[in-house]
């Protein structure tokens, strides 16, 4: 497995963007937790397990991420550097941030923390995905399952998994509330907005590798053949 992925193209930009995104993701999770107004499905599950086991939220996040990553093996998914870093960095950051953020406070302050956390989560997702160094373990589980069973819908599989972990987390004592609904409604449009801003451009093919009138993967046209026609519009 190539854990590092292909870092030959813009390695500094991609590494900085990856770890900035993962750090911001951990901070956004801590903001939503401290708002006490509801969490996204996976974090409801993490919080429920934390309440059950007495372990810190970040420790549970790392443990669940590692277990989910093991499920990649039968799906023949290959983790990238971003995948492995996702498991470790987010959990460490969320614990460190929660130690700095006070719990409770006026509703107005907690509402501001929730909104900031959701927006930051959307930006963080776009940052680490845009670095193209591997998806998070939970996203890879969904896409890997669908890849092994082409007839299944990614949206359906994701919904089933997230409803399941949400229900389990709620039963274990995780916080479900207006923040859960707000996250579900906002995260898609936020990610759609931020992803084009942070996507690292693909490496351009070497000019010498592109034959006249062809593509990087196509042979040059034989001598005397007509020039290719470019469709209008």
Protein backbone atom coordinates (compact mmCIF):
# COMPACT_ATOMS: atom_id res chain seq x y z
CA UNK A 1 0.00 0.00 0.00
CA UNK A 2 1.29 3.42 -0.92
CA UNK A 3 0.61 5.30 2.30
CA UNK A 4 2.26 8.47 1.11
CA UNK A 5 0.42 8.67 -2.16
CA UNK A 6 1.89 10.71 -4.99
CA UNK A 7 3.66 13.71 -3.44
CA UNK A 8 5.70 14.66 -6.47
CA UNK A 9 3.16 17.31 -7.48
CA UNK A 10 3.14 20.39 -5.20
CA UNK A 11 4.16 18.46 -2.07
CA UNK A 12 4.52 21.49 0.24
CA UNK A 13 1.13 22.97 -0.69
CA UNK A 14 -0.62 19.62 -0.33
CA UNK A 15 0.98 18.69 3.01
CA UNK A 16 0.30 22.12 4.53
CA UNK A 17 -3.27 22.02 3.26
CA UNK A 18 -3.81 18.48 4.56
CA UNK A 19 -2.68 19.21 8.12
CA UNK A 20 -4.33 22.63 8.21
CA UNK A 21 -7.59 20.97 7.18
CA UNK A 22 -7.30 18.18 9.75
CA UNK A 23 -6.45 20.68 12.50
CA UNK A 24 -9.38 22.90 11.57
CA UNK A 25 -11.63 19.83 11.50
CA UNK A 26 -10.68 18.98 15.09
CA UNK A 27 -11.30 22.58 16.20
CA UNK A 28 -14.70 22.60 14.47
CA UNK A 29 -15.70 19.40 16.27
CA UNK A 30 -14.74 20.89 19.63
CA UNK A 31 -16.81 24.03 18.91
CA UNK A 32 -19.88 21.94 18.14
CA UNK A 33 -19.37 19.78 21.23
CA UNK A 34 -19.04 22.79 23.52
CA UNK A 35 -22.15 24.38 21.99
CA UNK A 36 -24.15 21.45 23.43
CA UNK A 37 -26.77 21.96 20.71
CA UNK A 38 -26.28 18.73 18.77
CA UNK A 39 -23.56 16.97 16.79
CA UNK A 40 -23.19 15.29 13.42
CA UNK A 41 -24.06 11.54 13.39
CA UNK A 42 -20.54 10.14 13.81
CA UNK A 43 -19.77 12.57 16.65
CA UNK A 44 -23.01 11.67 18.42
CA UNK A 45 -21.69 8.10 18.31
CA UNK A 46 -18.22 9.16 19.49
CA UNK A 47 -19.72 11.17 22.34
CA UNK A 48 -21.95 8.27 23.38
CA UNK A 49 -18.98 5.91 23.48
CA UNK A 50 -17.01 8.50 25.44
CA UNK A 51 -19.81 8.68 28.02
CA UNK A 52 -19.97 4.90 28.20
CA UNK A 53 -16.23 4.21 28.49
CA UNK A 54 -15.00 7.30 30.34
CA UNK A 55 -12.38 7.85 27.62
CA UNK A 56 -11.82 11.31 26.17
CA UNK A 57 -13.72 12.29 23.04
CA UNK A 58 -10.49 12.45 21.02
CA UNK A 59 -9.34 9.02 22.21
CA UNK A 60 -12.65 7.49 21.15
CA UNK A 61 -12.45 9.26 17.78
CA UNK A 62 -8.98 7.79 17.17
CA UNK A 63 -10.07 4.32 18.28
CA UNK A 64 -13.19 4.28 16.09
CA UNK A 65 -11.21 5.63 13.13
CA UNK A 66 -8.63 2.86 13.51
CA UNK A 67 -11.34 0.17 13.70
CA UNK A 68 -13.09 1.58 10.63
CA UNK A 69 -9.76 1.58 8.80
CA UNK A 70 -9.43 -2.15 9.49
CA UNK A 71 -12.70 -2.63 7.61
CA UNK A 72 -10.93 -1.32 4.51
CA UNK A 73 -8.93 -4.56 4.29
CA UNK A 74 -11.73 -6.81 2.97
CA UNK A 75 -12.84 -3.95 0.71
CA UNK A 76 -9.29 -3.76 -0.72
CA UNK A 77 -9.12 -0.03 -0.13
CA UNK A 78 -5.70 1.62 -0.04
CA UNK A 79 -5.20 4.31 2.63
CA UNK A 80 -3.24 7.43 1.83
CA UNK A 81 -1.18 9.63 4.12
CA UNK A 82 -4.29 11.76 4.60
CA UNK A 83 -6.28 8.71 5.71
CA UNK A 84 -3.82 7.68 8.42
CA UNK A 85 -3.28 11.29 9.51
CA UNK A 86 -7.05 11.77 9.73
CA UNK A 87 -7.29 8.98 12.30
CA UNK A 88 -4.65 10.51 14.59
CA UNK A 89 -4.58 14.28 14.11
CA UNK A 90 -8.29 15.07 14.48
CA UNK A 91 -8.58 13.19 17.77
CA UNK A 92 -5.54 14.92 19.27
CA UNK A 93 -6.74 18.36 18.16
CA UNK A 94 -10.30 17.95 19.40
CA UNK A 95 -9.09 17.02 22.90
CA UNK A 96 -6.61 19.91 23.00
CA UNK A 97 -9.24 22.41 21.82
CA UNK A 98 -11.86 21.20 24.28
CA UNK A 99 -9.37 21.72 27.10
CA UNK A 100 -9.18 25.40 26.09
CA UNK A 101 -12.90 26.03 25.44
CA UNK A 102 -15.16 26.53 28.45
CA UNK A 103 -18.34 24.48 28.67
CA UNK A 104 -21.76 26.09 29.00
CA UNK A 105 -22.41 29.81 28.57
CA UNK A 106 -25.32 31.88 27.23
CA UNK A 107 -27.39 30.46 24.38
CA UNK A 108 -26.20 33.23 22.06
CA UNK A 109 -22.57 32.25 22.62
CA UNK A 110 -23.30 28.55 22.16
CA UNK A 111 -25.26 29.29 18.97
CA UNK A 112 -22.30 31.25 17.60
CA UNK A 113 -20.00 28.35 18.46
CA UNK A 114 -22.30 25.93 16.63
CA UNK A 115 -22.52 28.07 13.49
CA UNK A 116 -18.75 28.69 13.48
CA UNK A 117 -18.12 24.99 13.99
CA UNK A 118 -20.35 23.93 11.09
CA UNK A 119 -18.84 26.46 8.67
CA UNK A 120 -15.30 25.58 9.78
CA UNK A 121 -16.12 21.89 9.33
CA UNK A 122 -17.15 22.49 5.72
CA UNK A 123 -13.94 24.42 5.01
CA UNK A 124 -11.83 21.80 6.78
CA UNK A 125 -13.39 18.99 4.75
CA UNK A 126 -12.60 20.81 1.51
CA UNK A 127 -9.02 21.51 2.64
CA UNK A 128 -8.04 17.93 3.43
CA UNK A 129 -9.95 16.39 0.52
CA UNK A 130 -8.50 18.99 -1.85
CA UNK A 131 -4.98 17.91 -0.88
CA UNK A 132 -5.77 14.57 -2.59
CA UNK A 133 -3.76 12.47 -0.14
CA UNK A 134 -6.53 10.06 0.82
CA UNK A 135 -10.07 10.31 2.22
CA UNK A 136 -11.00 9.90 5.85
CA UNK A 137 -11.57 6.33 7.05
CA UNK A 138 -15.35 6.75 7.33
CA UNK A 139 -15.75 8.18 3.81
CA UNK A 140 -13.47 5.48 2.42
CA UNK A 141 -15.62 2.81 4.06
CA UNK A 142 -18.68 4.08 2.19
CA UNK A 143 -17.01 4.50 -1.20
CA UNK A 144 -15.14 1.20 -0.85
CA UNK A 145 -18.34 -0.70 -0.09
CA UNK A 146 -20.07 0.80 -3.13
CA UNK A 147 -17.04 0.06 -5.34
CA UNK A 148 -17.30 -3.64 -4.39
CA UNK A 149 -21.06 -3.59 -5.04
CA UNK A 150 -21.60 -1.32 -8.06
CA UNK A 151 -25.40 -1.57 -7.91
CA UNK A 152 -25.54 0.25 -4.57
CA UNK A 153 -26.00 4.02 -4.24
CA UNK A 154 -23.35 5.99 -2.33
CA UNK A 155 -26.08 8.25 -0.97
CA UNK A 156 -28.13 5.28 0.25
CA UNK A 157 -25.13 3.53 1.83
CA UNK A 158 -24.03 6.74 3.52
CA UNK A 159 -27.54 7.39 4.84
CA UNK A 160 -27.88 3.88 6.26
CA UNK A 161 -24.48 4.06 7.99
CA UNK A 162 -25.04 7.54 9.42
CA UNK A 163 -28.57 6.83 10.64
CA UNK A 164 -27.25 3.68 12.33
CA UNK A 165 -24.38 5.41 14.14
CA UNK A 166 -26.67 8.34 15.03
CA UNK A 167 -29.21 5.99 16.64
CA UNK A 168 -26.50 4.06 18.51
CA UNK A 169 -24.89 7.28 19.71
CA UNK A 170 -28.21 8.69 20.90
CA UNK A 171 -28.94 5.48 22.82
CA UNK A 172 -25.50 5.76 24.44
CA UNK A 173 -26.16 9.35 25.54
CA UNK A 174 -24.75 11.42 22.66
CA UNK A 175 -26.18 14.89 22.04
CA UNK A 176 -28.82 15.07 19.30
CA UNK A 177 -30.44 18.45 18.75
CA UNK A 178 -30.89 21.42 16.47
CA UNK A 179 -27.17 21.27 15.66
CA UNK A 180 -27.60 17.77 14.25
CA UNK A 181 -30.27 19.00 11.84
CA UNK A 182 -28.34 22.18 11.00
CA UNK A 183 -25.22 20.16 10.21
CA UNK A 184 -27.14 17.75 7.97
CA UNK A 185 -28.69 20.62 6.00
CA UNK A 186 -25.60 22.83 5.75
CA UNK A 187 -22.60 20.55 5.29
CA UNK A 188 -23.38 19.58 1.68
CA UNK A 189 -23.74 23.14 0.35
CA UNK A 190 -20.73 24.29 2.41
CA UNK A 191 -18.51 21.53 1.04
CA UNK A 192 -19.73 22.27 -2.48
CA UNK A 193 -18.79 25.92 -1.99
CA UNK A 194 -15.35 25.34 -0.45
CA UNK A 195 -14.07 22.34 -2.46
CA UNK A 196 -13.44 24.29 -5.71
CA UNK A 197 -11.55 26.93 -3.70
CA UNK A 198 -9.09 24.46 -2.17
CA UNK A 199 -8.76 21.76 -4.82
CA UNK A 200 -5.09 21.40 -5.81
CA UNK A 201 -4.87 21.65 -9.63
CA UNK A 202 -3.85 18.49 -11.41
CA UNK A 203 -0.30 18.25 -12.70
CA UNK A 204 -0.06 19.24 -16.36
CA UNK A 205 1.16 16.54 -18.72
CA UNK A 206 4.66 17.18 -20.13
CA UNK A 207 4.38 18.92 -23.48
CA UNK A 208 6.65 16.38 -25.11
CA UNK A 209 4.31 13.58 -24.05
CA UNK A 210 1.35 15.00 -25.99
CA UNK A 211 1.60 14.29 -29.73
CA UNK A 212 0.29 16.89 -32.14
CA UNK A 213 -3.42 16.37 -32.61
CA UNK A 214 -3.60 13.76 -29.84
CA UNK A 215 -3.92 13.34 -26.09
CA UNK A 216 -1.31 12.14 -23.57
CA UNK A 217 -2.68 8.59 -23.96
CA UNK A 218 -3.30 8.55 -27.71
CA UNK A 219 -0.82 7.99 -30.53
CA UNK A 220 0.02 10.71 -33.00
CA UNK A 221 -2.08 10.65 -36.17
CA UNK A 222 -0.35 8.95 -39.09
CA UNK A 223 1.27 11.14 -41.75
CA UNK A 224 -1.19 12.49 -44.27
CA UNK A 225 -4.26 12.03 -42.08
CA UNK A 226 -6.60 15.02 -41.76
CA UNK A 227 -6.28 17.29 -38.74
CA UNK A 228 -8.75 16.53 -35.96
CA UNK A 229 -11.85 18.69 -35.93
CA UNK A 230 -12.60 20.62 -32.75
CA UNK A 231 -16.35 20.81 -32.13
CA UNK A 232 -17.74 24.31 -31.86
CA UNK A 233 -19.03 25.47 -28.48
